């Protein structure tokens, strides 16, 4: 319960920060994020999207991705977990990026919530 509350607070903070710094238009498709389990892999995925800030000249190559946060949100509606059942989780990535020519103008971007089916253990 505490983990869910903490993740919710983090998501709320990043959404607020995002709203104050501009809108973004990148998405992580399918389950790519699930397999990006290292910092470098995630940065490579993010750099596939050329325009990081809309209404600006900054692109991914102009940014330093300085922090990446991974979080799991879990639905715990079912208390009984029979063998073979699946549990629905959501995977999200939050990252912070700074323009190389002005490190004071960092942006925080919450990731898209990606459904992920895990076997119930």
PDB file of N, CA and C in Angstrom:
ATOM      1  N   UNK A   1       0.829  -1.201   0.000  1.00  0.00           N
ATOM      2  CA  UNK A   1       0.000   0.000   0.000  1.00  0.00           C
ATOM      3  C   UNK A   1       0.873   1.266   0.000  1.00  0.00           C
ATOM      4  N   UNK A   2       1.940   1.207   0.828  1.00  0.00           N
ATOM      5  CA  UNK A   2       2.845   2.348   0.922  1.00  0.00           C
ATOM      6  C   UNK A   2       3.547   2.588  -0.419  1.00  0.00           C
ATOM      7  N   UNK A   3       3.902   1.472  -1.121  1.00  0.00           N
ATOM      8  CA  UNK A   3       4.571   1.582  -2.421  1.00  0.00           C
ATOM      9  C   UNK A   3       3.653   2.270  -3.441  1.00  0.00           C
ATOM     10  N   UNK A   4       2.376   1.911  -3.416  1.00  0.00           N
ATOM     11  CA  UNK A   4       1.409   2.509  -4.344  1.00  0.00           C
ATOM     12  C   UNK A   4       1.255   3.996  -4.047  1.00  0.00           C
ATOM     13  N   UNK A   5       1.167   4.345  -2.765  1.00  0.00           N
ATOM     14  CA  UNK A   5       1.022   5.751  -2.361  1.00  0.00           C
ATOM     15  C   UNK A   5       2.243   6.558  -2.794  1.00  0.00           C
ATOM     16  N   UNK A   6       3.436   5.995  -2.594  1.00  0.00           N
ATOM     17  CA  UNK A   6       4.671   6.688  -2.981  1.00  0.00           C
ATOM     18  C   UNK A   6       4.731   6.899  -4.488  1.00  0.00           C
ATOM     19  N   UNK A   7       4.354   5.859  -5.240  1.00  0.00           N
ATOM     20  CA  UNK A   7       4.376   5.967  -6.702  1.00  0.00           C
ATOM     21  C   UNK A   7       3.380   7.015  -7.172  1.00  0.00           C
ATOM     22  N   UNK A   8       2.208   7.064  -6.525  1.00  0.00           N
ATOM     23  CA  UNK A   8       1.188   8.058  -6.881  1.00  0.00           C
ATOM     24  C   UNK A   8       1.724   9.466  -6.647  1.00  0.00           C
ATOM     25  N   UNK A   9       2.403   9.686  -5.522  1.00  0.00           N
ATOM     26  CA  UNK A   9       2.977  11.010  -5.211  1.00  0.00           C
ATOM     27  C   UNK A   9       4.032  11.391  -6.247  1.00  0.00           C
ATOM     28  N   UNK A  10       4.871  10.422  -6.635  1.00  0.00           N
ATOM     29  CA  UNK A  10       5.900  10.680  -7.647  1.00  0.00           C
ATOM     30  C   UNK A  10       5.245  11.052  -8.978  1.00  0.00           C
ATOM     31  N   UNK A  11       4.207  10.296  -9.349  1.00  0.00           N
ATOM     32  CA  UNK A  11       3.514  10.572 -10.615  1.00  0.00           C
ATOM     33  C   UNK A  11       2.876  11.962 -10.586  1.00  0.00           C
ATOM     34  N   UNK A  12       2.271  12.312  -9.453  1.00  0.00           N
ATOM     35  CA  UNK A  12       1.631  13.622  -9.313  1.00  0.00           C
ATOM     36  C   UNK A  12       2.671  14.726  -9.452  1.00  0.00           C
ATOM     37  N   UNK A  13       3.833  14.550  -8.805  1.00  0.00           N
ATOM     38  CA  UNK A  13       4.902  15.545  -8.883  1.00  0.00           C
ATOM     39  C   UNK A  13       5.386  15.713 -10.317  1.00  0.00           C
ATOM     40  N   UNK A  14       5.624  14.581 -11.008  1.00  0.00           N
ATOM     41  CA  UNK A  14       6.154  14.685 -12.356  1.00  0.00           C
ATOM     42  C   UNK A  14       5.128  15.269 -13.318  1.00  0.00           C
ATOM     43  N   UNK A  15       3.861  14.945 -13.120  1.00  0.00           N
ATOM     44  CA  UNK A  15       2.825  15.523 -13.976  1.00  0.00           C
ATOM     45  C   UNK A  15       2.739  17.031 -13.781  1.00  0.00           C
ATOM     46  N   UNK A  16       2.842  17.464 -12.517  1.00  0.00           N
ATOM     47  CA  UNK A  16       2.807  18.902 -12.221  1.00  0.00           C
ATOM     48  C   UNK A  16       3.998  19.601 -12.857  1.00  0.00           C
ATOM     49  N   UNK A  17       5.178  19.009 -12.698  1.00  0.00           N
ATOM     50  CA  UNK A  17       6.384  19.599 -13.276  1.00  0.00           C
ATOM     51  C   UNK A  17       6.264  19.670 -14.791  1.00  0.00           C
ATOM     52  N   UNK A  18       5.744  18.595 -15.376  1.00  0.00           N
ATOM     53  CA  UNK A  18       5.587  18.551 -16.826  1.00  0.00           C
ATOM     54  C   UNK A  18       4.670  19.660 -17.313  1.00  0.00           C
ATOM     55  N   UNK A  19       3.581  19.872 -16.592  1.00  0.00           N
ATOM     56  CA  UNK A  19       2.615  20.892 -16.997  1.00  0.00           C
ATOM     57  C   UNK A  19       3.245  22.286 -16.963  1.00  0.00           C
ATOM     58  N   UNK A  20       4.159  22.495 -16.038  1.00  0.00           N
ATOM     59  CA  UNK A  20       4.760  23.818 -15.901  1.00  0.00           C
ATOM     60  C   UNK A  20       5.835  24.073 -16.960  1.00  0.00           C
ATOM     61  N   UNK A  21       6.440  23.013 -17.493  1.00  0.00           N
ATOM     62  CA  UNK A  21       7.576  23.223 -18.392  1.00  0.00           C
ATOM     63  C   UNK A  21       7.238  23.021 -19.857  1.00  0.00           C
ATOM     64  N   UNK A  22       6.015  22.645 -20.173  1.00  0.00           N
ATOM     65  CA  UNK A  22       5.649  22.476 -21.580  1.00  0.00           C
ATOM     66  C   UNK A  22       5.042  21.117 -21.847  1.00  0.00           C
ATOM     67  N   UNK A  23       4.617  20.911 -23.063  1.00  0.00           N
ATOM     68  CA  UNK A  23       4.010  19.625 -23.398  1.00  0.00           C
ATOM     69  C   UNK A  23       5.000  18.783 -24.188  1.00  0.00           C
ATOM     70  N   UNK A  24       4.823  17.483 -24.116  1.00  0.00           N
ATOM     71  CA  UNK A  24       5.733  16.557 -24.759  1.00  0.00           C
ATOM     72  C   UNK A  24       4.930  15.605 -25.625  1.00  0.00           C
ATOM     73  N   UNK A  25       5.533  15.100 -26.665  1.00  0.00           N
ATOM     74  CA  UNK A  25       4.771  14.247 -27.552  1.00  0.00           C
ATOM     75  C   UNK A  25       5.526  12.987 -27.966  1.00  0.00           C
ATOM     76  N   UNK A  26       6.233  12.355 -27.032  1.00  0.00           N
ATOM     77  CA  UNK A  26       6.826  11.067 -27.340  1.00  0.00           C
ATOM     78  C   UNK A  26       6.061   9.975 -26.604  1.00  0.00           C
ATOM     79  N   UNK A  27       6.104   8.779 -27.133  1.00  0.00           N
ATOM     80  CA  UNK A  27       5.484   7.637 -26.452  1.00  0.00           C
ATOM     81  C   UNK A  27       6.425   6.448 -26.561  1.00  0.00           C
ATOM     82  N   UNK A  28       6.330   5.563 -25.612  1.00  0.00           N
ATOM     83  CA  UNK A  28       7.055   4.296 -25.683  1.00  0.00           C
ATOM     84  C   UNK A  28       6.036   3.253 -26.127  1.00  0.00           C
ATOM     85  N   UNK A  29       6.286   2.631 -27.267  1.00  0.00           N
ATOM     86  CA  UNK A  29       5.295   1.728 -27.842  1.00  0.00           C
ATOM     87  C   UNK A  29       5.455   0.311 -27.297  1.00  0.00           C
ATOM     88  N   UNK A  30       4.318  -0.385 -27.240  1.00  0.00           N
ATOM     89  CA  UNK A  30       4.262  -1.790 -26.831  1.00  0.00           C
ATOM     90  C   UNK A  30       4.988  -2.007 -25.508  1.00  0.00           C
ATOM     91  N   UNK A  31       5.912  -2.982 -25.485  1.00  0.00           N
ATOM     92  CA  UNK A  31       6.575  -3.302 -24.221  1.00  0.00           C
ATOM     93  C   UNK A  31       8.059  -2.971 -24.275  1.00  0.00           C
ATOM     94  N   UNK A  32       8.444  -2.047 -25.152  1.00  0.00           N
ATOM     95  CA  UNK A  32       9.862  -1.706 -25.268  1.00  0.00           C
ATOM     96  C   UNK A  32      10.456  -1.353 -23.909  1.00  0.00           C
ATOM     97  N   UNK A  33       9.710  -0.561 -23.132  1.00  0.00           N
ATOM     98  CA  UNK A  33      10.248  -0.084 -21.853  1.00  0.00           C
ATOM     99  C   UNK A  33      10.520  -1.246 -20.903  1.00  0.00           C
ATOM    100  N   UNK A  34       9.716  -2.301 -21.012  1.00  0.00           N
ATOM    101  CA  UNK A  34       9.877  -3.440 -20.109  1.00  0.00           C
ATOM    102  C   UNK A  34      11.250  -4.081 -20.270  1.00  0.00           C
ATOM    103  N   UNK A  35      11.791  -4.043 -21.496  1.00  0.00           N
ATOM    104  CA  UNK A  35      13.073  -4.684 -21.757  1.00  0.00           C
ATOM    105  C   UNK A  35      14.245  -3.723 -21.594  1.00  0.00           C
ATOM    106  N   UNK A  36      13.950  -2.443 -21.381  1.00  0.00           N
ATOM    107  CA  UNK A  36      15.028  -1.464 -21.196  1.00  0.00           C
ATOM    108  C   UNK A  36      15.379  -1.425 -19.715  1.00  0.00           C
ATOM    109  N   UNK A  37      16.185  -2.387 -19.290  1.00  0.00           N
ATOM    110  CA  UNK A  37      16.407  -2.537 -17.848  1.00  0.00           C
ATOM    111  C   UNK A  37      17.693  -1.887 -17.358  1.00  0.00           C
ATOM    112  N   UNK A  38      18.370  -1.154 -18.226  1.00  0.00           N
ATOM    113  CA  UNK A  38      19.528  -0.393 -17.763  1.00  0.00           C
ATOM    114  C   UNK A  38      19.372   1.064 -18.180  1.00  0.00           C
ATOM    115  N   UNK A  39      20.100   1.934 -17.504  1.00  0.00           N
ATOM    116  CA  UNK A  39      20.033   3.371 -17.804  1.00  0.00           C
ATOM    117  C   UNK A  39      20.310   3.638 -19.274  1.00  0.00           C
ATOM    118  N   UNK A  40      21.373   3.055 -19.812  1.00  0.00           N
ATOM    119  CA  UNK A  40      21.760   3.324 -21.201  1.00  0.00           C
ATOM    120  C   UNK A  40      20.705   2.851 -22.187  1.00  0.00           C
ATOM    121  N   UNK A  41      20.112   1.684 -21.920  1.00  0.00           N
ATOM    122  CA  UNK A  41      19.068   1.179 -22.814  1.00  0.00           C
ATOM    123  C   UNK A  41      17.899   2.143 -22.869  1.00  0.00           C
ATOM    124  N   UNK A  42      17.517   2.692 -21.726  1.00  0.00           N
ATOM    125  CA  UNK A  42      16.382   3.614 -21.675  1.00  0.00           C
ATOM    126  C   UNK A  42      16.721   4.901 -22.419  1.00  0.00           C
ATOM    127  N   UNK A  43      17.930   5.404 -22.231  1.00  0.00           N
ATOM    128  CA  UNK A  43      18.344   6.624 -22.930  1.00  0.00           C
ATOM    129  C   UNK A  43      18.313   6.404 -24.443  1.00  0.00           C
ATOM    130  N   UNK A  44      18.784   5.230 -24.880  1.00  0.00           N
ATOM    131  CA  UNK A  44      18.765   4.925 -26.318  1.00  0.00           C
ATOM    132  C   UNK A  44      17.323   4.927 -26.826  1.00  0.00           C
ATOM    133  N   UNK A  45      16.409   4.333 -26.076  1.00  0.00           N
ATOM    134  CA  UNK A  45      15.001   4.327 -26.483  1.00  0.00           C
ATOM    135  C   UNK A  45      14.458   5.744 -26.578  1.00  0.00           C
ATOM    136  N   UNK A  46      14.763   6.556 -25.581  1.00  0.00           N
ATOM    137  CA  UNK A  46      14.235   7.921 -25.569  1.00  0.00           C
ATOM    138  C   UNK A  46      14.799   8.736 -26.738  1.00  0.00           C
ATOM    139  N   UNK A  47      16.044   8.483 -27.101  1.00  0.00           N
ATOM    140  CA  UNK A  47      16.657   9.254 -28.180  1.00  0.00           C
ATOM    141  C   UNK A  47      16.120   8.869 -29.556  1.00  0.00           C
ATOM    142  N   UNK A  48      15.318   7.792 -29.608  1.00  0.00           N
ATOM    143  CA  UNK A  48      14.670   7.452 -30.870  1.00  0.00           C
ATOM    144  C   UNK A  48      13.613   8.486 -31.245  1.00  0.00           C
ATOM    145  N   UNK A  49      13.155   9.234 -30.255  1.00  0.00           N
ATOM    146  CA  UNK A  49      12.125  10.231 -30.507  1.00  0.00           C
ATOM    147  C   UNK A  49      12.809  11.581 -30.685  1.00  0.00           C
ATOM    148  N   UNK A  50      12.802  12.139 -31.905  1.00  0.00           N
ATOM    149  CA  UNK A  50      13.639  13.304 -32.199  1.00  0.00           C
ATOM    150  C   UNK A  50      13.244  14.571 -31.455  1.00  0.00           C
ATOM    151  N   UNK A  51      11.955  14.831 -31.293  1.00  0.00           N
ATOM    152  CA  UNK A  51      11.548  16.093 -30.665  1.00  0.00           C
ATOM    153  C   UNK A  51      11.201  15.856 -29.203  1.00  0.00           C
ATOM    154  N   UNK A  52      12.019  16.357 -28.306  1.00  0.00           N
ATOM    155  CA  UNK A  52      11.781  16.157 -26.878  1.00  0.00           C
ATOM    156  C   UNK A  52      10.835  17.229 -26.343  1.00  0.00           C
ATOM    157  N   UNK A  53      11.086  18.443 -26.698  1.00  0.00           N
ATOM    158  CA  UNK A  53      10.217  19.543 -26.259  1.00  0.00           C
ATOM    159  C   UNK A  53       9.437  20.064 -27.456  1.00  0.00           C
ATOM    160  N   UNK A  54       8.111  20.071 -27.335  1.00  0.00           N
ATOM    161  CA  UNK A  54       7.347  20.672 -28.425  1.00  0.00           C
ATOM    162  C   UNK A  54       7.470  22.189 -28.306  1.00  0.00           C
ATOM    163  N   UNK A  55       7.252  22.884 -29.392  1.00  0.00           N
ATOM    164  CA  UNK A  55       7.395  24.347 -29.428  1.00  0.00           C
ATOM    165  C   UNK A  55       8.792  24.796 -29.008  1.00  0.00           C
ATOM    166  N   UNK A  56       9.789  24.037 -29.378  1.00  0.00           N
ATOM    167  CA  UNK A  56      11.151  24.437 -29.036  1.00  0.00           C
ATOM    168  C   UNK A  56      12.096  23.842 -30.072  1.00  0.00           C
ATOM    169  N   UNK A  57      13.333  24.334 -30.095  1.00  0.00           N
ATOM    170  CA  UNK A  57      14.316  23.817 -31.036  1.00  0.00           C
ATOM    171  C   UNK A  57      15.116  22.653 -30.460  1.00  0.00           C
ATOM    172  N   UNK A  58      14.862  22.321 -29.187  1.00  0.00           N
ATOM    173  CA  UNK A  58      15.622  21.231 -28.568  1.00  0.00           C
ATOM    174  C   UNK A  58      15.159  19.885 -29.096  1.00  0.00           C
ATOM    175  N   UNK A  59      16.109  19.036 -29.443  1.00  0.00           N
ATOM    176  CA  UNK A  59      15.805  17.659 -29.813  1.00  0.00           C
ATOM    177  C   UNK A  59      16.592  16.755 -28.868  1.00  0.00           C
ATOM    178  N   UNK A  60      16.369  15.450 -29.005  1.00  0.00           N
ATOM    179  CA  UNK A  60      17.014  14.505 -28.091  1.00  0.00           C
ATOM    180  C   UNK A  60      18.538  14.633 -28.116  1.00  0.00           C
ATOM    181  N   UNK A  61      19.107  14.900 -29.298  1.00  0.00           N
ATOM    182  CA  UNK A  61      20.571  14.983 -29.374  1.00  0.00           C
ATOM    183  C   UNK A  61      21.110  16.214 -28.637  1.00  0.00           C
ATOM    184  N   UNK A  62      20.249  17.198 -28.357  1.00  0.00           N
ATOM    185  CA  UNK A  62      20.671  18.397 -27.629  1.00  0.00           C
ATOM    186  C   UNK A  62      20.542  18.242 -26.114  1.00  0.00           C
ATOM    187  N   UNK A  63      20.034  17.089 -25.669  1.00  0.00           N
ATOM    188  CA  UNK A  63      19.722  16.926 -24.249  1.00  0.00           C
ATOM    189  C   UNK A  63      20.661  15.928 -23.592  1.00  0.00           C
ATOM    190  N   UNK A  64      20.944  16.154 -22.313  1.00  0.00           N
ATOM    191  CA  UNK A  64      21.599  15.153 -21.475  1.00  0.00           C
ATOM    192  C   UNK A  64      20.521  14.520 -20.613  1.00  0.00           C
ATOM    193  N   UNK A  65      20.346  13.214 -20.725  1.00  0.00           N
ATOM    194  CA  UNK A  65      19.365  12.526 -19.892  1.00  0.00           C
ATOM    195  C   UNK A  65      20.059  12.178 -18.572  1.00  0.00           C
ATOM    196  N   UNK A  66      19.746  12.941 -17.541  1.00  0.00           N
ATOM    197  CA  UNK A  66      20.545  12.868 -16.328  1.00  0.00           C
ATOM    198  C   UNK A  66      19.975  11.934 -15.270  1.00  0.00           C
ATOM    199  N   UNK A  67      18.712  11.567 -15.375  1.00  0.00           N
ATOM    200  CA  UNK A  67      18.204  10.603 -14.402  1.00  0.00           C
ATOM    201  C   UNK A  67      17.016   9.861 -14.972  1.00  0.00           C
ATOM    202  N   UNK A  68      16.933   8.609 -14.623  1.00  0.00           N
ATOM    203  CA  UNK A  68      15.824   7.768 -15.060  1.00  0.00           C
ATOM    204  C   UNK A  68      15.295   7.031 -13.848  1.00  0.00           C
ATOM    205  N   UNK A  69      13.995   7.051 -13.673  1.00  0.00           N
ATOM    206  CA  UNK A  69      13.327   6.414 -12.550  1.00  0.00           C
ATOM    207  C   UNK A  69      12.359   5.378 -13.071  1.00  0.00           C
ATOM    208  N   UNK A  70      12.367   4.186 -12.513  1.00  0.00           N
ATOM    209  CA  UNK A  70      11.403   3.178 -12.928  1.00  0.00           C
ATOM    210  C   UNK A  70      10.468   2.881 -11.765  1.00  0.00           C
ATOM    211  N   UNK A  71       9.193   2.683 -12.056  1.00  0.00           N
ATOM    212  CA  UNK A  71       8.233   2.402 -10.989  1.00  0.00           C
ATOM    213  C   UNK A  71       7.201   1.395 -11.471  1.00  0.00           C
ATOM    214  N   UNK A  72       6.754   0.546 -10.556  1.00  0.00           N
ATOM    215  CA  UNK A  72       5.691  -0.408 -10.866  1.00  0.00           C
ATOM    216  C   UNK A  72       4.452  -0.033 -10.079  1.00  0.00           C
ATOM    217  N   UNK A  73       3.326   0.017 -10.775  1.00  0.00           N
ATOM    218  CA  UNK A  73       2.031   0.167 -10.113  1.00  0.00           C
ATOM    219  C   UNK A  73       1.310  -1.163 -10.232  1.00  0.00           C
ATOM    220  N   UNK A  74       0.745  -1.625  -9.159  1.00  0.00           N
ATOM    221  CA  UNK A  74       0.148  -2.953  -9.182  1.00  0.00           C
ATOM    222  C   UNK A  74      -1.316  -2.900  -8.779  1.00  0.00           C
ATOM    223  N   UNK A  75      -2.175  -3.557  -9.558  1.00  0.00           N
ATOM    224  CA  UNK A  75      -3.563  -3.702  -9.162  1.00  0.00           C
ATOM    225  C   UNK A  75      -3.671  -4.905  -8.222  1.00  0.00           C
ATOM    226  N   UNK A  76      -4.241  -4.692  -7.068  1.00  0.00           N
ATOM    227  CA  UNK A  76      -4.341  -5.782  -6.093  1.00  0.00           C
ATOM    228  C   UNK A  76      -5.807  -6.103  -5.799  1.00  0.00           C
ATOM    229  N   UNK A  77      -6.663  -5.981  -6.805  1.00  0.00           N
ATOM    230  CA  UNK A  77      -8.095  -6.214  -6.617  1.00  0.00           C
ATOM    231  C   UNK A  77      -8.420  -7.637  -6.219  1.00  0.00           C
ATOM    232  N   UNK A  78      -7.676  -8.614  -6.757  1.00  0.00           N
ATOM    233  CA  UNK A  78      -7.963 -10.007  -6.449  1.00  0.00           C
ATOM    234  C   UNK A  78      -7.058 -10.484  -5.326  1.00  0.00           C
ATOM    235  N   UNK A  79      -7.678 -11.056  -4.299  1.00  0.00           N
ATOM    236  CA  UNK A  79      -6.882 -11.539  -3.173  1.00  0.00           C
ATOM    237  C   UNK A  79      -6.487 -12.989  -3.384  1.00  0.00           C
ATOM    238  N   UNK A  80      -7.204 -13.723  -4.237  1.00  0.00           N
ATOM    239  CA  UNK A  80      -6.884 -15.128  -4.490  1.00  0.00           C
ATOM    240  C   UNK A  80      -6.155 -15.225  -5.826  1.00  0.00           C
ATOM    241  N   UNK A  81      -5.061 -15.952  -5.822  1.00  0.00           N
ATOM    242  CA  UNK A  81      -4.243 -16.063  -7.017  1.00  0.00           C
ATOM    243  C   UNK A  81      -4.074 -17.544  -7.352  1.00  0.00           C
ATOM    244  N   UNK A  82      -4.907 -18.059  -8.254  1.00  0.00           N
ATOM    245  CA  UNK A  82      -4.817 -19.469  -8.633  1.00  0.00           C
ATOM    246  C   UNK A  82      -3.630 -19.686  -9.566  1.00  0.00           C
ATOM    247  N   UNK A  83      -3.054 -20.892  -9.592  1.00  0.00           N
ATOM    248  CA  UNK A  83      -1.928 -21.160 -10.497  1.00  0.00           C
ATOM    249  C   UNK A  83      -2.315 -20.861 -11.941  1.00  0.00           C
ATOM    250  N   UNK A  84      -1.425 -20.177 -12.649  1.00  0.00           N
ATOM    251  CA  UNK A  84      -1.683 -19.841 -14.046  1.00  0.00           C
ATOM    252  C   UNK A  84      -2.383 -18.512 -14.240  1.00  0.00           C
ATOM    253  N   UNK A  85      -2.931 -17.918 -13.174  1.00  0.00           N
ATOM    254  CA  UNK A  85      -3.584 -16.615 -13.297  1.00  0.00           C
ATOM    255  C   UNK A  85      -2.547 -15.540 -13.585  1.00  0.00           C
ATOM    256  N   UNK A  86      -3.020 -14.440 -14.134  1.00  0.00           N
ATOM    257  CA  UNK A  86      -2.112 -13.316 -14.398  1.00  0.00           C
ATOM    258  C   UNK A  86      -2.514 -12.126 -13.557  1.00  0.00           C
ATOM    259  N   UNK A  87      -1.530 -11.351 -13.203  1.00  0.00           N
ATOM    260  CA  UNK A  87      -1.736 -10.152 -12.404  1.00  0.00           C
ATOM    261  C   UNK A  87      -1.391  -8.973 -13.313  1.00  0.00           C
ATOM    262  N   UNK A  88      -2.226  -7.946 -13.334  1.00  0.00           N
ATOM    263  CA  UNK A  88      -2.000  -6.814 -14.240  1.00  0.00           C
ATOM    264  C   UNK A  88      -1.186  -5.732 -13.535  1.00  0.00           C
ATOM    265  N   UNK A  89      -0.059  -5.411 -14.103  1.00  0.00           N
ATOM    266  CA  UNK A  89       0.794  -4.345 -13.585  1.00  0.00           C
ATOM    267  C   UNK A  89       0.887  -3.233 -14.616  1.00  0.00           C
ATOM    268  N   UNK A  90       1.271  -2.058 -14.159  1.00  0.00           N
ATOM    269  CA  UNK A  90       1.559  -0.968 -15.095  1.00  0.00           C
ATOM    270  C   UNK A  90       2.993  -0.520 -14.890  1.00  0.00           C
ATOM    271  N   UNK A  91       3.705  -0.354 -15.970  1.00  0.00           N
ATOM    272  CA  UNK A  91       5.110   0.034 -15.927  1.00  0.00           C
ATOM    273  C   UNK A  91       5.232   1.474 -16.397  1.00  0.00           C
ATOM    274  N   UNK A  92       5.942   2.279 -15.655  1.00  0.00           N
ATOM    275  CA  UNK A  92       6.122   3.662 -16.094  1.00  0.00           C
ATOM    276  C   UNK A  92       7.572   4.081 -15.929  1.00  0.00           C
ATOM    277  N   UNK A  93       7.985   4.995 -16.779  1.00  0.00           N
ATOM    278  CA  UNK A  93       9.344   5.552 -16.687  1.00  0.00           C
ATOM    279  C   UNK A  93       9.233   7.061 -16.530  1.00  0.00           C
ATOM    280  N   UNK A  94       9.961   7.593 -15.581  1.00  0.00           N
ATOM    281  CA  UNK A  94      10.071   9.051 -15.449  1.00  0.00           C
ATOM    282  C   UNK A  94      11.529   9.409 -15.709  1.00  0.00           C
ATOM    283  N   UNK A  95      11.777  10.406 -16.534  1.00  0.00           N
ATOM    284  CA  UNK A  95      13.165  10.784 -16.755  1.00  0.00           C
ATOM    285  C   UNK A  95      13.332  12.302 -16.662  1.00  0.00           C
ATOM    286  N   UNK A  96      14.544  12.718 -16.366  1.00  0.00           N
ATOM    287  CA  UNK A  96      14.870  14.133 -16.342  1.00  0.00           C
ATOM    288  C   UNK A  96      15.943  14.386 -17.400  1.00  0.00           C
ATOM    289  N   UNK A  97      15.767  15.445 -18.169  1.00  0.00           N
ATOM    290  CA  UNK A  97      16.742  15.798 -19.205  1.00  0.00           C
ATOM    291  C   UNK A  97      17.053  17.282 -19.106  1.00  0.00           C
ATOM    292  N   UNK A  98      18.292  17.635 -19.436  1.00  0.00           N
ATOM    293  CA  UNK A  98      18.719  19.034 -19.387  1.00  0.00           C
ATOM    294  C   UNK A  98      19.345  19.427 -20.725  1.00  0.00           C
ATOM    295  N   UNK A  99      19.028  20.606 -21.240  1.00  0.00           N
ATOM    296  CA  UNK A  99      19.725  21.089 -22.450  1.00  0.00           C
ATOM    297  C   UNK A  99      21.223  21.202 -22.171  1.00  0.00           C
ATOM    298  N   UNK A 100      22.032  20.721 -23.111  1.00  0.00           N
ATOM    299  CA  UNK A 100      23.485  20.745 -22.909  1.00  0.00           C
ATOM    300  C   UNK A 100      24.014  22.170 -22.785  1.00  0.00           C
ATOM    301  N   UNK A 101      23.369  23.128 -23.466  1.00  0.00           N
ATOM    302  CA  UNK A 101      23.883  24.502 -23.419  1.00  0.00           C
ATOM    303  C   UNK A 101      23.329  25.298 -22.235  1.00  0.00           C
ATOM    304  N   UNK A 102      22.356  24.729 -21.508  1.00  0.00           N
ATOM    305  CA  UNK A 102      21.811  25.424 -20.336  1.00  0.00           C
ATOM    306  C   UNK A 102      21.290  24.409 -19.323  1.00  0.00           C
ATOM    307  N   UNK A 103      22.195  23.864 -18.464  1.00  0.00           N
ATOM    308  CA  UNK A 103      21.824  22.814 -17.516  1.00  0.00           C
ATOM    309  C   UNK A 103      20.810  23.266 -16.462  1.00  0.00           C
ATOM    310  N   UNK A 104      20.510  24.557 -16.400  1.00  0.00           N
ATOM    311  CA  UNK A 104      19.543  25.023 -15.399  1.00  0.00           C
ATOM    312  C   UNK A 104      18.099  24.798 -15.858  1.00  0.00           C
ATOM    313  N   UNK A 105      17.897  24.511 -17.139  1.00  0.00           N
ATOM    314  CA  UNK A 105      16.540  24.352 -17.668  1.00  0.00           C
ATOM    315  C   UNK A 105      16.192  22.878 -17.865  1.00  0.00           C
ATOM    316  N   UNK A 106      16.292  22.116 -16.781  1.00  0.00           N
ATOM    317  CA  UNK A 106      15.987  20.690 -16.862  1.00  0.00           C
ATOM    318  C   UNK A 106      14.480  20.472 -16.973  1.00  0.00           C
ATOM    319  N   UNK A 107      14.106  19.379 -17.628  1.00  0.00           N
ATOM    320  CA  UNK A 107      12.696  19.023 -17.718  1.00  0.00           C
ATOM    321  C   UNK A 107      12.492  17.645 -17.079  1.00  0.00           C
ATOM    322  N   UNK A 108      11.319  17.421 -16.565  1.00  0.00           N
ATOM    323  CA  UNK A 108      10.955  16.118 -16.023  1.00  0.00           C
ATOM    324  C   UNK A 108       9.758  15.631 -16.815  1.00  0.00           C
ATOM    325  N   UNK A 109       9.822  14.408 -17.299  1.00  0.00           N
ATOM    326  CA  UNK A 109       8.759  13.871 -18.134  1.00  0.00           C
ATOM    327  C   UNK A 109       8.283  12.533 -17.582  1.00  0.00           C
ATOM    328  N   UNK A 110       7.008  12.441 -17.201  1.00  0.00           N
ATOM    329  CA  UNK A 110       6.501  11.131 -16.767  1.00  0.00           C
ATOM    330  C   UNK A 110       6.285  10.228 -17.971  1.00  0.00           C
ATOM    331  N   UNK A 111       6.541   8.959 -17.780  1.00  0.00           N
ATOM    332  CA  UNK A 111       6.385   8.017 -18.883  1.00  0.00           C
ATOM    333  C   UNK A 111       4.942   7.569 -19.054  1.00  0.00           C
ATOM    334  N   UNK A 112       4.681   7.022 -20.205  1.00  0.00           N
ATOM    335  CA  UNK A 112       3.376   6.448 -20.494  1.00  0.00           C
ATOM    336  C   UNK A 112       3.181   5.200 -19.633  1.00  0.00           C
ATOM    337  N   UNK A 113       1.978   5.026 -19.133  1.00  0.00           N
ATOM    338  CA  UNK A 113       1.690   3.835 -18.345  1.00  0.00           C
ATOM    339  C   UNK A 113       1.471   2.664 -19.306  1.00  0.00           C
ATOM    340  N   UNK A 114       2.300   1.644 -19.172  1.00  0.00           N
ATOM    341  CA  UNK A 114       2.258   0.521 -20.100  1.00  0.00           C
ATOM    342  C   UNK A 114       1.759  -0.723 -19.367  1.00  0.00           C
ATOM    343  N   UNK A 115       0.631  -1.321 -19.801  1.00  0.00           N
ATOM    344  CA  UNK A 115       0.156  -2.527 -19.116  1.00  0.00           C
ATOM    345  C   UNK A 115       1.100  -3.692 -19.355  1.00  0.00           C
ATOM    346  N   UNK A 116       1.313  -4.472 -18.340  1.00  0.00           N
ATOM    347  CA  UNK A 116       2.191  -5.626 -18.431  1.00  0.00           C
ATOM    348  C   UNK A 116       1.575  -6.780 -17.656  1.00  0.00           C
ATOM    349  N   UNK A 117       1.381  -7.927 -18.305  1.00  0.00           N
ATOM    350  CA  UNK A 117       0.777  -9.084 -17.641  1.00  0.00           C
ATOM    351  C   UNK A 117       1.879  -9.980 -17.099  1.00  0.00           C
ATOM    352  N   UNK A 118       1.904 -10.147 -15.798  1.00  0.00           N
ATOM    353  CA  UNK A 118       2.874 -11.032 -15.160  1.00  0.00           C
ATOM    354  C   UNK A 118       2.162 -12.265 -14.624  1.00  0.00           C
ATOM    355  N   UNK A 119       2.819 -13.426 -14.709  1.00  0.00           N
ATOM    356  CA  UNK A 119       2.207 -14.616 -14.101  1.00  0.00           C
ATOM    357  C   UNK A 119       2.072 -14.414 -12.600  1.00  0.00           C
ATOM    358  N   UNK A 120       0.973 -14.852 -12.055  1.00  0.00           N
ATOM    359  CA  UNK A 120       0.737 -14.756 -10.620  1.00  0.00           C
ATOM    360  C   UNK A 120       1.574 -15.816  -9.899  1.00  0.00           C
ATOM    361  N   UNK A 121       2.276 -15.417  -8.857  1.00  0.00           N
ATOM    362  CA  UNK A 121       3.140 -16.370  -8.130  1.00  0.00           C
ATOM    363  C   UNK A 121       2.540 -16.621  -6.758  1.00  0.00           C
TER     364      UNK A 121
END
